[in-house]
């Protein structure tokens, strides 16, 4: 997941709104709990499917930052959006 600095850079802004900060925290906490549940419980979902679901649950502005981060890194494909 992109950092707050990477999110600001991808949105071309120096600030993150209170709403965006709330959504970042909400998504982060939810992602942590879902990952713990996925690791500790028998599951039918593959790691790839789990990662894809995490991406789908991401707020749109974080998806933009996430994709921007990978574009800058030179990664040519991201399985999460395929």
N, C-alpha and C. Protein backbone atom coordinates (compact mmCIF):
# COMPACT_ATOMS: atom_id res chain seq x y z
N UNK A 1 0.84 -1.17 0.00
CA UNK A 1 0.00 0.00 0.00
C UNK A 1 0.89 1.24 0.00
N UNK A 2 0.50 2.26 -0.74
CA UNK A 2 1.32 3.47 -0.80
C UNK A 2 1.37 4.20 0.54
N UNK A 3 2.50 4.86 0.78
CA UNK A 3 2.63 5.68 1.97
C UNK A 3 1.84 6.97 1.78
N UNK A 4 1.71 7.74 2.84
CA UNK A 4 1.02 9.03 2.73
C UNK A 4 1.78 9.95 1.79
N UNK A 5 3.10 9.92 1.85
CA UNK A 5 3.92 10.76 0.95
C UNK A 5 3.67 10.35 -0.50
N UNK A 6 3.68 9.05 -0.79
CA UNK A 6 3.43 8.58 -2.16
C UNK A 6 2.02 8.93 -2.61
N UNK A 7 1.07 8.86 -1.69
CA UNK A 7 -0.31 9.22 -2.02
C UNK A 7 -0.39 10.69 -2.38
N UNK A 8 0.24 11.56 -1.59
CA UNK A 8 0.24 12.99 -1.89
C UNK A 8 0.89 13.27 -3.24
N UNK A 9 2.01 12.60 -3.51
CA UNK A 9 2.70 12.80 -4.80
C UNK A 9 1.82 12.37 -5.96
N UNK A 10 1.14 11.25 -5.84
CA UNK A 10 0.31 10.77 -6.95
C UNK A 10 -0.91 11.65 -7.16
N UNK A 11 -1.38 12.29 -6.10
CA UNK A 11 -2.52 13.20 -6.22
C UNK A 11 -2.09 14.63 -6.53
N UNK A 12 -0.78 14.83 -6.65
CA UNK A 12 -0.21 16.15 -6.94
C UNK A 12 -0.66 17.20 -5.93
N UNK A 13 -0.53 16.85 -4.66
CA UNK A 13 -0.93 17.77 -3.60
C UNK A 13 0.05 17.67 -2.43
N UNK A 14 0.06 18.69 -1.61
CA UNK A 14 0.90 18.67 -0.41
C UNK A 14 0.10 18.27 0.83
N UNK A 15 -1.22 18.13 0.66
CA UNK A 15 -2.05 17.83 1.82
C UNK A 15 -2.94 16.62 1.56
N UNK A 16 -3.30 15.98 2.64
CA UNK A 16 -4.27 14.90 2.61
C UNK A 16 -5.45 15.39 3.46
N UNK A 17 -6.64 15.29 2.91
CA UNK A 17 -7.81 15.76 3.65
C UNK A 17 -8.09 14.84 4.83
N UNK A 18 -8.87 15.35 5.77
CA UNK A 18 -9.25 14.53 6.92
C UNK A 18 -9.99 13.27 6.45
N UNK A 19 -10.82 13.41 5.43
CA UNK A 19 -11.55 12.26 4.88
C UNK A 19 -10.58 11.23 4.30
N UNK A 20 -9.61 11.70 3.53
CA UNK A 20 -8.64 10.78 2.94
C UNK A 20 -7.81 10.08 4.02
N UNK A 21 -7.40 10.83 5.04
CA UNK A 21 -6.64 10.23 6.13
C UNK A 21 -7.47 9.17 6.85
N UNK A 22 -8.74 9.47 7.08
CA UNK A 22 -9.64 8.49 7.70
C UNK A 22 -9.72 7.23 6.84
N UNK A 23 -9.90 7.41 5.53
CA UNK A 23 -10.01 6.26 4.63
C UNK A 23 -8.72 5.45 4.57
N UNK A 24 -7.58 6.14 4.62
CA UNK A 24 -6.29 5.43 4.64
C UNK A 24 -6.20 4.57 5.90
N UNK A 25 -6.53 5.15 7.05
CA UNK A 25 -6.48 4.40 8.31
C UNK A 25 -7.49 3.26 8.30
N UNK A 26 -8.70 3.54 7.86
CA UNK A 26 -9.76 2.54 7.82
C UNK A 26 -9.34 1.35 6.95
N UNK A 27 -8.81 1.65 5.78
CA UNK A 27 -8.38 0.59 4.87
C UNK A 27 -7.19 -0.17 5.47
N UNK A 28 -6.26 0.54 6.06
CA UNK A 28 -5.08 -0.11 6.66
C UNK A 28 -5.47 -1.06 7.78
N UNK A 29 -6.32 -0.59 8.69
CA UNK A 29 -6.73 -1.43 9.81
C UNK A 29 -7.52 -2.64 9.31
N UNK A 30 -8.40 -2.43 8.36
CA UNK A 30 -9.17 -3.54 7.79
C UNK A 30 -8.28 -4.54 7.08
N UNK A 31 -7.30 -4.04 6.35
CA UNK A 31 -6.38 -4.92 5.63
C UNK A 31 -5.59 -5.78 6.61
N UNK A 32 -5.16 -5.18 7.71
CA UNK A 32 -4.40 -5.94 8.71
C UNK A 32 -5.27 -7.05 9.30
N UNK A 33 -6.49 -6.72 9.69
CA UNK A 33 -7.37 -7.73 10.30
C UNK A 33 -7.71 -8.83 9.31
N UNK A 34 -8.01 -8.46 8.07
CA UNK A 34 -8.36 -9.48 7.07
C UNK A 34 -7.16 -10.37 6.77
N UNK A 35 -5.97 -9.81 6.78
CA UNK A 35 -4.76 -10.62 6.54
C UNK A 35 -4.56 -11.60 7.69
N UNK A 36 -4.75 -11.14 8.92
CA UNK A 36 -4.62 -12.03 10.08
C UNK A 36 -5.62 -13.17 9.97
N UNK A 37 -6.88 -12.85 9.67
CA UNK A 37 -7.90 -13.89 9.52
C UNK A 37 -7.54 -14.86 8.41
N UNK A 38 -7.06 -14.35 7.29
CA UNK A 38 -6.69 -15.19 6.15
C UNK A 38 -5.55 -16.14 6.53
N UNK A 39 -4.57 -15.63 7.29
CA UNK A 39 -3.43 -16.45 7.68
C UNK A 39 -3.77 -17.49 8.74
N UNK A 40 -4.65 -17.15 9.67
CA UNK A 40 -4.92 -18.03 10.81
C UNK A 40 -6.05 -19.03 10.59
N UNK A 41 -6.87 -18.80 9.61
CA UNK A 41 -8.01 -19.69 9.38
C UNK A 41 -7.86 -20.45 8.08
N UNK A 42 -8.37 -21.67 8.07
CA UNK A 42 -8.37 -22.40 6.80
C UNK A 42 -9.14 -21.57 5.76
N UNK A 43 -8.60 -21.46 4.60
CA UNK A 43 -9.22 -20.62 3.58
C UNK A 43 -9.15 -21.29 2.23
N UNK A 44 -10.09 -20.94 1.42
CA UNK A 44 -10.12 -21.46 0.06
C UNK A 44 -9.56 -20.44 -0.93
N UNK A 45 -9.32 -19.23 -0.47
CA UNK A 45 -8.85 -18.17 -1.35
C UNK A 45 -7.33 -18.23 -1.51
N UNK A 46 -6.87 -18.19 -2.75
CA UNK A 46 -5.43 -18.20 -3.02
C UNK A 46 -4.84 -16.84 -2.63
N UNK A 47 -3.53 -16.80 -2.51
CA UNK A 47 -2.85 -15.55 -2.19
C UNK A 47 -3.11 -14.50 -3.28
N UNK A 48 -3.13 -14.93 -4.53
CA UNK A 48 -3.39 -14.00 -5.64
C UNK A 48 -4.80 -13.44 -5.55
N UNK A 49 -5.78 -14.32 -5.27
CA UNK A 49 -7.16 -13.85 -5.13
C UNK A 49 -7.32 -12.92 -3.93
N UNK A 50 -6.63 -13.26 -2.84
CA UNK A 50 -6.69 -12.42 -1.65
C UNK A 50 -6.12 -11.03 -1.95
N UNK A 51 -4.99 -10.97 -2.62
CA UNK A 51 -4.38 -9.69 -2.98
C UNK A 51 -5.31 -8.90 -3.89
N UNK A 52 -5.95 -9.60 -4.82
CA UNK A 52 -6.89 -8.93 -5.74
C UNK A 52 -8.07 -8.34 -4.96
N UNK A 53 -8.59 -9.08 -4.00
CA UNK A 53 -9.70 -8.57 -3.19
C UNK A 53 -9.27 -7.35 -2.38
N UNK A 54 -8.04 -7.38 -1.87
CA UNK A 54 -7.53 -6.23 -1.12
C UNK A 54 -7.47 -5.00 -2.03
N UNK A 55 -7.03 -5.20 -3.26
CA UNK A 55 -6.96 -4.09 -4.21
C UNK A 55 -8.36 -3.56 -4.51
N UNK A 56 -9.32 -4.45 -4.72
CA UNK A 56 -10.68 -4.01 -5.01
C UNK A 56 -11.29 -3.21 -3.87
N UNK A 57 -10.92 -3.53 -2.64
CA UNK A 57 -11.47 -2.85 -1.47
C UNK A 57 -10.82 -1.49 -1.21
N UNK A 58 -9.76 -1.20 -1.93
CA UNK A 58 -9.01 0.05 -1.73
C UNK A 58 -9.81 1.25 -2.26
N UNK A 59 -9.85 2.37 -1.50
CA UNK A 59 -10.49 3.58 -2.02
C UNK A 59 -9.82 4.02 -3.34
N UNK A 60 -10.58 4.63 -4.21
CA UNK A 60 -10.07 4.98 -5.54
C UNK A 60 -8.80 5.83 -5.51
N UNK A 61 -8.73 6.80 -4.60
CA UNK A 61 -7.53 7.65 -4.58
C UNK A 61 -6.30 6.84 -4.16
N UNK A 62 -6.49 5.80 -3.33
CA UNK A 62 -5.35 4.94 -2.98
C UNK A 62 -4.96 4.03 -4.14
N UNK A 63 -5.95 3.57 -4.89
CA UNK A 63 -5.64 2.78 -6.09
C UNK A 63 -4.79 3.60 -7.04
N UNK A 64 -5.16 4.87 -7.22
CA UNK A 64 -4.40 5.77 -8.10
C UNK A 64 -2.96 5.88 -7.61
N UNK A 65 -2.78 6.07 -6.30
CA UNK A 65 -1.44 6.18 -5.74
C UNK A 65 -0.68 4.86 -5.89
N UNK A 66 -1.36 3.76 -5.66
CA UNK A 66 -0.75 2.43 -5.77
C UNK A 66 -0.25 2.19 -7.19
N UNK A 67 -1.10 2.45 -8.16
CA UNK A 67 -0.71 2.24 -9.55
C UNK A 67 0.40 3.20 -9.98
N UNK A 68 0.35 4.43 -9.50
CA UNK A 68 1.39 5.41 -9.79
C UNK A 68 2.73 4.97 -9.22
N UNK A 69 2.69 4.42 -8.01
CA UNK A 69 3.91 3.94 -7.35
C UNK A 69 4.57 2.85 -8.19
N UNK A 70 3.77 1.92 -8.71
CA UNK A 70 4.33 0.84 -9.52
C UNK A 70 4.78 1.32 -10.88
N UNK A 71 4.08 2.27 -11.43
CA UNK A 71 4.48 2.83 -12.73
C UNK A 71 5.87 3.47 -12.61
N UNK A 72 6.08 4.22 -11.53
CA UNK A 72 7.37 4.87 -11.31
C UNK A 72 8.49 3.86 -11.06
N UNK A 73 8.13 2.71 -10.48
CA UNK A 73 9.15 1.71 -10.14
C UNK A 73 9.59 0.89 -11.35
N UNK A 74 8.87 1.03 -12.47
CA UNK A 74 9.24 0.30 -13.67
C UNK A 74 8.62 -1.09 -13.77
N UNK A 75 7.73 -1.44 -12.83
CA UNK A 75 7.05 -2.73 -12.90
C UNK A 75 6.13 -2.71 -14.10
N UNK A 76 6.21 -3.74 -14.91
CA UNK A 76 5.45 -3.74 -16.17
C UNK A 76 4.08 -4.40 -16.07
N UNK A 77 3.85 -5.20 -15.05
CA UNK A 77 2.54 -5.79 -14.89
C UNK A 77 2.22 -5.94 -13.41
N UNK A 78 0.96 -5.80 -13.12
CA UNK A 78 0.49 -5.97 -11.76
C UNK A 78 -0.63 -6.99 -11.80
N UNK A 79 -0.43 -8.11 -11.15
CA UNK A 79 -1.42 -9.18 -11.16
C UNK A 79 -2.72 -8.76 -10.49
N UNK A 80 -2.67 -7.79 -9.59
CA UNK A 80 -3.84 -7.42 -8.82
C UNK A 80 -4.96 -6.84 -9.64
N UNK A 81 -4.65 -6.29 -10.80
CA UNK A 81 -5.71 -5.66 -11.59
C UNK A 81 -6.06 -6.45 -12.82
N UNK A 82 -5.45 -7.61 -12.97
CA UNK A 82 -5.75 -8.41 -14.16
C UNK A 82 -6.99 -9.24 -13.96
